[in-house]
Amino acid sequence: MNGDLQWHHAAIWAAIDEIAARNGISASRLSILSGGDSTAFNPSKRIKDGEYRWPSTETIAKVLAFAELSYAEFGALIDEKAGRTL
């Protein structure tokens, strides 16, 4: 099952990275400005002991509030990063 989730995991984190880039900041700074820890979005923390670490819905909500994006826009960005279109 983990193999099936790999592209979902990568696309979600790529979308978060893109939100940071669009705002001219690092993922670390995005985490701080969204009320998180400075290391929460570090690539080294996205997989731990071979298990995917997923951002919580609360974390996503805070990122979207900071970036003034809707969930639909975030979903579209995830699809874009996954190479999918509707």
Protein backbone atom coordinates (compact mmCIF):
# COMPACT_ATOMS: atom_id res chain seq x y z
CA MET A 1 0.00 0.00 0.00
CA ASN A 2 2.82 2.44 0.77
CA GLY A 3 3.96 2.30 -2.85
CA ASP A 4 0.47 3.35 -3.93
CA LEU A 5 0.62 6.33 -1.59
CA GLN A 6 4.06 7.51 -2.67
CA TRP A 7 2.86 9.84 -5.43
CA HIS A 8 0.11 11.27 -3.17
CA HIS A 9 2.64 11.99 -0.45
CA ALA A 10 5.11 13.55 -2.87
CA ALA A 11 2.42 15.69 -4.53
CA ILE A 12 1.12 17.08 -1.24
CA TRP A 13 4.60 18.08 -0.09
CA ALA A 14 5.43 19.48 -3.55
CA ALA A 15 2.28 21.62 -3.32
CA ILE A 16 3.36 22.94 0.08
CA ASP A 17 6.81 23.69 -1.33
CA GLU A 18 5.16 25.50 -4.26
CA ILE A 19 3.07 27.63 -1.91
CA ALA A 20 6.27 28.66 -0.13
CA ALA A 21 8.00 29.43 -3.44
CA ARG A 22 5.06 31.49 -4.69
CA ASN A 23 5.35 33.59 -1.55
CA GLY A 24 9.10 33.99 -1.94
CA ILE A 25 9.92 32.08 1.22
CA SER A 26 11.36 28.72 2.22
CA ALA A 27 9.24 25.83 3.41
CA SER A 28 10.75 26.38 6.84
CA ARG A 29 9.60 30.01 6.87
CA LEU A 30 6.15 28.94 5.64
CA SER A 31 5.91 26.59 8.59
CA ILE A 32 6.83 29.38 11.01
CA LEU A 33 4.42 31.89 9.45
CA SER A 34 1.69 29.25 9.58
CA GLY A 35 2.24 28.78 13.31
CA GLY A 36 4.43 25.69 13.14
CA ASP A 37 7.91 24.66 14.10
CA SER A 38 10.77 25.83 11.90
CA THR A 39 11.73 22.24 11.07
CA ALA A 40 8.23 20.81 10.54
CA PHE A 41 8.39 21.06 6.74
CA ASN A 42 12.01 19.94 6.35
CA PRO A 43 12.37 17.32 3.61
CA SER A 44 14.32 15.15 6.05
CA LYS A 45 11.22 14.89 8.25
CA ARG A 46 8.78 13.91 5.51
CA ILE A 47 9.68 10.24 5.80
CA LYS A 48 10.70 8.70 9.10
CA ASP A 49 11.80 5.10 9.52
CA GLY A 50 10.42 4.32 6.07
CA GLU A 51 6.97 5.68 6.93
CA TYR A 52 5.41 8.70 5.29
CA ARG A 53 4.80 11.72 7.51
CA TRP A 54 1.72 13.56 6.37
CA PRO A 55 0.81 17.17 7.18
CA SER A 56 -2.25 17.32 9.42
CA THR A 57 -5.48 18.94 8.29
CA GLU A 58 -4.83 21.65 10.88
CA THR A 59 -1.42 22.32 9.36
CA ILE A 60 -2.87 22.47 5.85
CA ALA A 61 -5.62 24.82 7.03
CA LYS A 62 -3.03 27.17 8.55
CA VAL A 63 -0.91 27.12 5.39
CA LEU A 64 -3.96 27.87 3.24
CA ALA A 65 -5.03 30.69 5.55
CA PHE A 66 -1.55 32.22 5.37
CA ALA A 67 -1.43 31.90 1.58
CA GLU A 68 -5.08 32.92 1.14
CA LEU A 69 -5.80 29.80 -0.90
CA SER A 70 -8.95 27.69 -0.95
CA TYR A 71 -9.01 23.96 -0.49
CA ALA A 72 -10.02 23.69 -4.15
CA GLU A 73 -6.93 25.66 -5.18
CA PHE A 74 -4.77 23.46 -2.97
CA GLY A 75 -6.33 20.35 -4.48
CA ALA A 76 -5.68 21.66 -7.99
CA LEU A 77 -2.07 22.36 -7.03
CA ILE A 78 -1.70 18.81 -5.69
CA ASP A 79 -3.12 17.44 -8.94
CA GLU A 80 -0.73 19.62 -10.92
CA LYS A 81 2.23 18.36 -8.90
CA ALA A 82 1.04 14.78 -9.38
CA GLY A 83 0.79 15.35 -13.12
CA ARG A 84 -2.97 14.85 -13.09
CA THR A 85 -5.69 16.92 -14.67
CA LEU A 86 -9.45 16.67 -14.46
